[in-house]
N, C-alpha and C. Protein backbone atom coordinates (compact mmCIF):
# COMPACT_ATOMS: atom_id res chain seq x y z
N MET A 1 82.50 16.80 67.89
CA MET A 1 81.94 15.50 68.21
C MET A 1 82.38 15.05 69.60
N ARG A 2 83.65 15.31 69.91
CA ARG A 2 84.17 14.92 71.21
C ARG A 2 83.47 15.68 72.34
N THR A 3 83.19 16.98 72.13
CA THR A 3 82.48 17.78 73.12
C THR A 3 81.08 17.22 73.33
N MET A 4 80.43 16.84 72.26
CA MET A 4 79.08 16.29 72.32
C MET A 4 79.07 15.02 73.15
N LYS A 5 80.11 14.17 72.97
CA LYS A 5 80.20 12.91 73.72
C LYS A 5 80.29 13.20 75.22
N TRP A 6 81.12 14.16 75.62
CA TRP A 6 81.27 14.48 77.04
C TRP A 6 80.01 15.11 77.61
N MET A 7 79.31 15.89 76.79
CA MET A 7 78.05 16.46 77.24
C MET A 7 77.03 15.36 77.51
N MET A 8 76.99 14.35 76.66
CA MET A 8 76.07 13.23 76.84
C MET A 8 76.43 12.42 78.09
N VAL A 9 77.72 12.20 78.31
CA VAL A 9 78.17 11.48 79.50
C VAL A 9 77.76 12.27 80.75
N GLY A 10 77.99 13.57 80.74
CA GLY A 10 77.62 14.42 81.87
C GLY A 10 76.13 14.38 82.14
N LEU A 11 75.34 14.43 81.09
CA LEU A 11 73.89 14.39 81.22
C LEU A 11 73.45 13.05 81.81
N MET A 12 74.06 11.97 81.37
CA MET A 12 73.71 10.65 81.90
C MET A 12 74.07 10.54 83.37
N VAL A 13 75.24 11.03 83.77
CA VAL A 13 75.65 10.98 85.17
C VAL A 13 74.70 11.80 86.02
N PHE A 14 74.35 13.00 85.54
CA PHE A 14 73.42 13.86 86.26
C PHE A 14 72.07 13.16 86.41
N SER A 15 71.58 12.55 85.34
CA SER A 15 70.29 11.87 85.37
C SER A 15 70.29 10.73 86.37
N LEU A 16 71.38 9.97 86.38
CA LEU A 16 71.45 8.84 87.29
C LEU A 16 71.53 9.28 88.74
N THR A 17 72.26 10.33 89.03
CA THR A 17 72.37 10.79 90.41
C THR A 17 71.11 11.49 90.86
N ALA A 18 70.44 12.17 89.97
CA ALA A 18 69.21 12.87 90.33
C ALA A 18 68.07 11.89 90.56
N CYS A 19 68.04 10.79 89.83
CA CYS A 19 66.93 9.85 89.92
C CYS A 19 67.28 8.61 90.72
N GLY A 20 68.52 8.43 91.10
CA GLY A 20 68.96 7.21 91.76
C GLY A 20 68.41 7.09 93.17
N GLY A 21 68.51 5.87 93.70
CA GLY A 21 68.05 5.62 95.05
C GLY A 21 69.07 6.10 96.06
N SER A 22 68.90 5.68 97.29
CA SER A 22 69.82 6.09 98.34
C SER A 22 71.12 5.31 98.22
N SER A 23 72.14 5.78 98.89
CA SER A 23 73.46 5.15 98.77
C SER A 23 73.54 3.84 99.53
N ASN A 24 72.55 3.52 100.40
CA ASN A 24 72.63 2.28 101.16
C ASN A 24 71.93 1.12 100.47
N GLY A 25 71.51 1.30 99.22
CA GLY A 25 70.92 0.21 98.46
C GLY A 25 69.42 0.10 98.59
N ASP A 26 68.77 0.95 99.41
CA ASP A 26 67.31 0.91 99.51
C ASP A 26 66.71 1.25 98.16
N THR A 27 65.60 0.63 97.88
CA THR A 27 64.92 0.95 96.64
C THR A 27 63.92 2.06 96.89
N ASP A 28 63.64 2.81 95.85
CA ASP A 28 62.69 3.91 95.93
C ASP A 28 61.29 3.36 96.00
N THR A 29 60.45 3.93 96.82
CA THR A 29 59.05 3.51 96.88
C THR A 29 58.19 4.57 96.22
N THR A 30 57.04 4.17 95.76
CA THR A 30 56.14 5.12 95.12
C THR A 30 55.30 5.89 96.13
N GLU A 31 55.21 5.40 97.34
CA GLU A 31 54.44 6.06 98.38
C GLU A 31 55.35 6.94 99.22
N PRO A 32 55.09 8.26 99.28
CA PRO A 32 55.91 9.13 100.12
C PRO A 32 55.59 8.88 101.59
N ASP A 33 56.57 9.13 102.44
CA ASP A 33 56.37 9.00 103.88
C ASP A 33 55.61 10.22 104.37
N THR A 34 54.36 10.01 104.75
CA THR A 34 53.53 11.13 105.19
C THR A 34 53.40 11.19 106.70
N SER A 35 54.11 10.30 107.39
CA SER A 35 54.04 10.32 108.85
C SER A 35 54.77 11.54 109.38
N LYS A 36 54.30 12.02 110.52
CA LYS A 36 54.94 13.17 111.15
C LYS A 36 54.77 13.04 112.65
N PRO A 37 55.70 13.57 113.40
CA PRO A 37 55.55 13.53 114.85
C PRO A 37 54.33 14.33 115.28
N ASP A 38 53.72 13.93 116.40
CA ASP A 38 52.57 14.68 116.91
C ASP A 38 52.93 16.14 117.14
N GLY A 39 52.01 17.03 116.75
CA GLY A 39 52.20 18.46 116.99
C GLY A 39 53.02 19.17 115.93
N VAL A 40 53.52 18.46 114.93
CA VAL A 40 54.32 19.09 113.88
C VAL A 40 53.43 19.31 112.66
N GLU A 41 53.41 20.51 112.18
CA GLU A 41 52.60 20.85 111.02
C GLU A 41 53.35 20.52 109.75
N PRO A 42 52.65 20.15 108.67
CA PRO A 42 53.34 19.87 107.41
C PRO A 42 53.96 21.13 106.83
N ASP A 43 54.98 20.94 105.99
CA ASP A 43 55.66 22.08 105.37
C ASP A 43 54.79 22.80 104.35
N THR A 44 53.83 22.11 103.77
CA THR A 44 53.00 22.69 102.73
C THR A 44 51.92 23.55 103.36
N PRO A 45 51.85 24.84 102.97
CA PRO A 45 50.83 25.70 103.55
C PRO A 45 49.44 25.32 103.03
N GLU A 46 48.45 25.60 103.82
CA GLU A 46 47.07 25.37 103.40
C GLU A 46 46.74 26.32 102.27
N PRO A 47 45.93 25.88 101.30
CA PRO A 47 45.56 26.77 100.21
C PRO A 47 44.68 27.91 100.72
N ASP A 48 44.80 29.07 100.05
CA ASP A 48 43.96 30.21 100.41
C ASP A 48 42.51 29.89 100.08
N VAL A 49 41.61 30.38 100.91
CA VAL A 49 40.20 30.17 100.69
C VAL A 49 39.71 31.25 99.72
N ILE A 50 38.99 30.83 98.69
CA ILE A 50 38.45 31.78 97.72
C ILE A 50 37.01 32.07 98.12
N VAL A 51 36.70 33.33 98.27
CA VAL A 51 35.36 33.75 98.64
C VAL A 51 34.44 33.56 97.44
N SER A 52 33.29 32.97 97.66
CA SER A 52 32.41 32.67 96.53
C SER A 52 31.59 33.88 96.09
N ASP A 53 31.25 34.76 96.98
CA ASP A 53 30.45 35.95 96.65
C ASP A 53 31.14 37.20 97.16
N PRO A 54 32.24 37.60 96.55
CA PRO A 54 32.98 38.75 97.07
C PRO A 54 32.21 40.06 96.88
N THR A 55 32.43 40.98 97.80
CA THR A 55 31.85 42.31 97.69
C THR A 55 32.97 43.34 97.84
N TRP A 56 32.67 44.55 97.41
CA TRP A 56 33.62 45.65 97.56
C TRP A 56 33.96 45.85 99.03
N THR A 57 32.93 45.96 99.87
CA THR A 57 33.11 46.29 101.28
C THR A 57 33.85 45.21 102.04
N ASN A 58 33.48 43.95 101.83
CA ASN A 58 34.05 42.87 102.62
C ASN A 58 35.35 42.29 102.08
N ASP A 59 35.63 42.47 100.79
CA ASP A 59 36.77 41.77 100.20
C ASP A 59 37.70 42.66 99.38
N ILE A 60 37.17 43.35 98.41
CA ILE A 60 37.99 44.07 97.43
C ILE A 60 38.62 45.34 98.00
N GLN A 61 37.87 46.10 98.78
CA GLN A 61 38.34 47.38 99.29
C GLN A 61 39.64 47.26 100.09
N ALA A 62 39.77 46.23 100.91
CA ALA A 62 41.00 46.04 101.70
C ALA A 62 42.21 45.77 100.81
N ILE A 63 42.02 45.00 99.76
CA ILE A 63 43.11 44.72 98.83
C ILE A 63 43.52 46.00 98.11
N VAL A 64 42.53 46.76 97.68
CA VAL A 64 42.80 48.04 96.99
C VAL A 64 43.55 48.99 97.91
N ALA A 65 43.11 49.09 99.16
CA ALA A 65 43.76 49.99 100.12
C ALA A 65 45.23 49.61 100.33
N ALA A 66 45.51 48.31 100.37
CA ALA A 66 46.88 47.85 100.60
C ALA A 66 47.75 47.92 99.35
N SER A 67 47.16 47.64 98.19
CA SER A 67 47.96 47.48 96.97
C SER A 67 47.94 48.66 96.02
N CYS A 68 46.96 49.54 96.13
CA CYS A 68 46.79 50.62 95.15
C CYS A 68 47.03 51.99 95.76
N SER A 69 47.63 52.02 96.94
CA SER A 69 47.85 53.28 97.65
C SER A 69 49.27 53.79 97.43
N GLY A 70 49.49 55.03 97.80
CA GLY A 70 50.82 55.62 97.71
C GLY A 70 50.82 56.80 96.76
N ALA A 71 51.90 57.53 96.78
CA ALA A 71 52.02 58.73 95.93
C ALA A 71 51.88 58.37 94.46
N GLY A 72 50.99 59.07 93.78
CA GLY A 72 50.79 58.85 92.36
C GLY A 72 49.97 57.63 92.02
N CYS A 73 49.37 57.01 93.05
CA CYS A 73 48.59 55.80 92.79
C CYS A 73 47.10 56.12 92.75
N HIS A 74 46.26 55.25 93.31
CA HIS A 74 44.82 55.36 93.06
C HIS A 74 43.95 55.52 94.30
N THR A 75 44.52 55.72 95.49
CA THR A 75 43.71 55.93 96.69
C THR A 75 44.20 57.15 97.43
N ASP A 76 43.57 57.44 98.54
CA ASP A 76 43.93 58.59 99.38
C ASP A 76 43.92 59.89 98.59
N GLY A 77 42.93 60.04 97.73
CA GLY A 77 42.79 61.26 96.94
C GLY A 77 43.69 61.32 95.72
N GLN A 78 44.52 60.32 95.51
CA GLN A 78 45.41 60.29 94.35
C GLN A 78 44.63 59.82 93.12
N ASN A 79 45.01 60.34 91.97
CA ASN A 79 44.34 59.98 90.72
C ASN A 79 45.35 59.51 89.68
N GLY A 80 46.15 58.53 90.02
CA GLY A 80 47.12 58.01 89.07
C GLY A 80 46.43 57.51 87.82
N GLY A 81 46.86 57.97 86.67
CA GLY A 81 46.23 57.59 85.42
C GLY A 81 44.79 58.07 85.32
N ALA A 82 44.47 59.14 86.04
CA ALA A 82 43.12 59.72 86.09
C ALA A 82 42.11 58.72 86.66
N VAL A 83 42.56 57.84 87.55
CA VAL A 83 41.69 56.83 88.16
C VAL A 83 41.86 56.87 89.67
N ASN A 84 40.74 56.89 90.39
CA ASN A 84 40.76 56.89 91.85
C ASN A 84 39.83 55.79 92.37
N PHE A 85 40.32 55.02 93.34
CA PHE A 85 39.56 53.92 93.91
C PHE A 85 39.12 54.19 95.35
N ASP A 86 38.99 55.44 95.74
CA ASP A 86 38.63 55.76 97.12
C ASP A 86 37.22 55.33 97.50
N SER A 87 36.36 55.13 96.54
CA SER A 87 34.99 54.75 96.88
C SER A 87 34.47 53.68 95.92
N TYR A 88 33.46 52.99 96.41
CA TYR A 88 32.79 52.00 95.56
C TYR A 88 32.21 52.68 94.33
N ALA A 89 31.63 53.87 94.50
CA ALA A 89 31.03 54.59 93.37
C ALA A 89 32.05 54.84 92.27
N ASN A 90 33.28 55.12 92.63
CA ASN A 90 34.31 55.36 91.61
C ASN A 90 34.57 54.11 90.77
N THR A 91 34.44 52.93 91.36
CA THR A 91 34.68 51.70 90.60
C THR A 91 33.54 51.41 89.63
N GLN A 92 32.40 52.04 89.84
CA GLN A 92 31.24 51.80 88.98
C GLN A 92 31.17 52.77 87.80
N ALA A 93 32.02 53.80 87.81
CA ALA A 93 32.06 54.75 86.69
C ALA A 93 32.64 54.08 85.46
N MET A 94 32.30 54.60 84.32
CA MET A 94 32.85 54.06 83.07
C MET A 94 34.31 54.48 82.94
N SER A 95 35.12 53.59 82.42
CA SER A 95 36.53 53.88 82.20
C SER A 95 36.68 55.00 81.18
N THR A 96 37.62 55.90 81.45
CA THR A 96 37.89 56.97 80.49
C THR A 96 38.89 56.53 79.43
N ASN A 97 39.47 55.35 79.60
CA ASN A 97 40.41 54.83 78.61
C ASN A 97 39.61 54.10 77.53
N VAL A 98 38.97 54.88 76.66
CA VAL A 98 38.11 54.28 75.63
C VAL A 98 38.92 53.64 74.51
N ALA A 99 40.18 53.99 74.38
CA ALA A 99 41.01 53.39 73.33
C ALA A 99 41.22 51.90 73.59
N CYS A 100 41.25 51.51 74.85
CA CYS A 100 41.53 50.11 75.19
C CYS A 100 40.38 49.45 75.93
N TYR A 101 39.72 50.18 76.78
CA TYR A 101 38.72 49.59 77.66
C TYR A 101 37.33 50.20 77.44
N ALA A 102 36.97 50.45 76.21
CA ALA A 102 35.67 51.05 75.90
C ALA A 102 34.54 50.16 76.41
N GLY A 103 33.57 50.79 77.06
CA GLY A 103 32.40 50.07 77.54
C GLY A 103 32.60 49.34 78.85
N LEU A 104 33.75 49.47 79.48
CA LEU A 104 34.02 48.80 80.75
C LEU A 104 34.01 49.81 81.89
N THR A 105 33.60 49.35 83.06
CA THR A 105 33.66 50.20 84.24
C THR A 105 35.10 50.20 84.78
N VAL A 106 35.36 51.13 85.68
CA VAL A 106 36.67 51.20 86.33
C VAL A 106 36.94 49.89 87.08
N GLY A 107 35.93 49.34 87.73
CA GLY A 107 36.09 48.07 88.45
C GLY A 107 36.47 46.92 87.53
N GLU A 108 35.86 46.87 86.36
CA GLU A 108 36.19 45.82 85.39
C GLU A 108 37.62 45.98 84.90
N VAL A 109 38.01 47.22 84.64
CA VAL A 109 39.39 47.48 84.20
C VAL A 109 40.37 47.13 85.32
N MET A 110 40.02 47.46 86.55
CA MET A 110 40.88 47.14 87.69
C MET A 110 41.14 45.64 87.74
N ALA A 111 40.11 44.82 87.56
CA ALA A 111 40.28 43.36 87.58
C ALA A 111 41.19 42.88 86.45
N LEU A 112 41.08 43.50 85.29
CA LEU A 112 41.96 43.15 84.16
C LEU A 112 43.39 43.56 84.42
N LYS A 113 43.59 44.71 85.06
CA LYS A 113 44.94 45.25 85.26
C LYS A 113 45.72 44.53 86.37
N VAL A 114 45.04 43.88 87.32
CA VAL A 114 45.77 43.16 88.36
C VAL A 114 46.10 41.73 87.93
N ALA A 115 45.51 41.29 86.84
CA ALA A 115 45.79 39.96 86.30
C ALA A 115 47.01 40.02 85.38
N PRO A 116 47.68 38.91 85.17
CA PRO A 116 48.82 38.91 84.26
C PRO A 116 48.39 39.27 82.83
N SER A 117 49.24 39.96 82.12
CA SER A 117 49.04 40.31 80.72
C SER A 117 47.73 41.03 80.44
N PRO A 118 47.54 42.21 81.05
CA PRO A 118 46.31 42.95 80.75
C PRO A 118 46.28 43.36 79.27
N PRO A 119 45.09 43.59 78.71
CA PRO A 119 44.98 43.93 77.29
C PRO A 119 45.78 45.17 76.89
N CYS A 120 45.89 46.13 77.79
CA CYS A 120 46.66 47.35 77.52
C CYS A 120 47.52 47.69 78.73
N GLY A 121 48.67 48.25 78.48
CA GLY A 121 49.53 48.67 79.59
C GLY A 121 50.17 47.49 80.29
N ILE A 122 50.57 47.76 81.54
CA ILE A 122 51.26 46.74 82.33
C ILE A 122 50.42 46.30 83.51
N GLN A 123 50.80 45.16 84.06
CA GLN A 123 50.10 44.63 85.22
C GLN A 123 50.31 45.55 86.41
N MET A 124 49.27 45.76 87.18
CA MET A 124 49.33 46.57 88.39
C MET A 124 49.40 45.64 89.60
N PRO A 125 49.86 46.12 90.73
CA PRO A 125 50.34 47.47 90.98
C PRO A 125 51.80 47.65 90.58
N ILE A 126 52.14 48.88 90.31
CA ILE A 126 53.52 49.23 89.97
C ILE A 126 54.25 49.53 91.27
N GLY A 127 55.44 48.99 91.43
CA GLY A 127 56.27 49.30 92.60
C GLY A 127 55.86 48.56 93.86
N LYS A 128 54.93 47.66 93.76
CA LYS A 128 54.51 46.84 94.90
C LYS A 128 54.40 45.41 94.41
N PRO A 129 54.34 44.45 95.33
CA PRO A 129 54.20 43.06 94.89
C PRO A 129 52.90 42.85 94.12
N MET A 130 52.96 41.99 93.12
CA MET A 130 51.76 41.64 92.37
C MET A 130 50.78 40.95 93.32
N LEU A 131 49.52 41.04 93.02
CA LEU A 131 48.52 40.37 93.83
C LEU A 131 48.70 38.86 93.73
N SER A 132 48.39 38.18 94.81
CA SER A 132 48.46 36.71 94.80
C SER A 132 47.42 36.17 93.82
N LEU A 133 47.60 34.94 93.40
CA LEU A 133 46.62 34.32 92.50
C LEU A 133 45.22 34.28 93.12
N PRO A 134 45.10 33.95 94.42
CA PRO A 134 43.75 34.00 95.02
C PRO A 134 43.14 35.40 95.01
N ASP A 135 43.95 36.44 95.23
CA ASP A 135 43.43 37.81 95.18
C ASP A 135 43.03 38.19 93.75
N GLN A 136 43.82 37.77 92.78
CA GLN A 136 43.45 38.01 91.38
C GLN A 136 42.12 37.33 91.06
N ALA A 137 41.98 36.10 91.53
CA ALA A 137 40.73 35.36 91.31
C ALA A 137 39.57 36.03 92.02
N LEU A 138 39.84 36.63 93.17
CA LEU A 138 38.79 37.34 93.91
C LEU A 138 38.27 38.53 93.11
N PHE A 139 39.17 39.28 92.49
CA PHE A 139 38.75 40.40 91.64
C PHE A 139 37.89 39.90 90.48
N GLU A 140 38.32 38.81 89.85
CA GLU A 140 37.57 38.25 88.74
C GLU A 140 36.18 37.79 89.19
N ALA A 141 36.12 37.14 90.36
CA ALA A 141 34.84 36.67 90.89
C ALA A 141 33.93 37.85 91.22
N TRP A 142 34.51 38.92 91.73
CA TRP A 142 33.74 40.13 92.05
C TRP A 142 33.11 40.71 90.79
N VAL A 143 33.89 40.82 89.72
CA VAL A 143 33.36 41.33 88.46
C VAL A 143 32.28 40.39 87.92
N ASN A 144 32.55 39.09 87.94
CA ASN A 144 31.59 38.12 87.42
C ASN A 144 30.27 38.12 88.22
N ALA A 145 30.35 38.52 89.49
CA ALA A 145 29.15 38.58 90.33
C ALA A 145 28.41 39.91 90.16
N GLY A 146 28.91 40.79 89.30
CA GLY A 146 28.25 42.07 89.07
C GLY A 146 28.79 43.19 89.93
N MET A 147 29.95 43.00 90.54
CA MET A 147 30.64 43.99 91.38
C MET A 147 29.75 44.53 92.50
N PRO A 148 29.22 43.64 93.35
CA PRO A 148 28.36 44.11 94.44
C PRO A 148 29.13 44.92 95.48
N GLU A 149 28.41 45.87 96.08
CA GLU A 149 29.02 46.71 97.11
C GLU A 149 29.14 45.92 98.40
């Protein structure tokens, strides 16, 4: 019981210091100070632009080349997992993983595998940074648009 009392006191002190105003007695305002000196950019980066009609040639291929390449992967003649993304035609072939992705093209499977929690296996790419959320959305938009070249 004594330990519980001290934990509650500690939590209250933390809450008060985390939410309290400044030490000079100023009160907190609800409006943040958005003023900035001329020529200074805000700390918040601009959001990535999502392409509305992505194509293999203009959008997807560059991401694949950067993220799916390397020894044992899916480009430059490599066939990791019996899958190669060297050409648009390869993305249009039916997936050979019929146990999990029956009836889907390689391109459709690729979009599922770069997103979090794919239906089978692990998220790709392995050994490289995961795709950004805008890039993941780009793959999804490409599939939804019919995977145009």
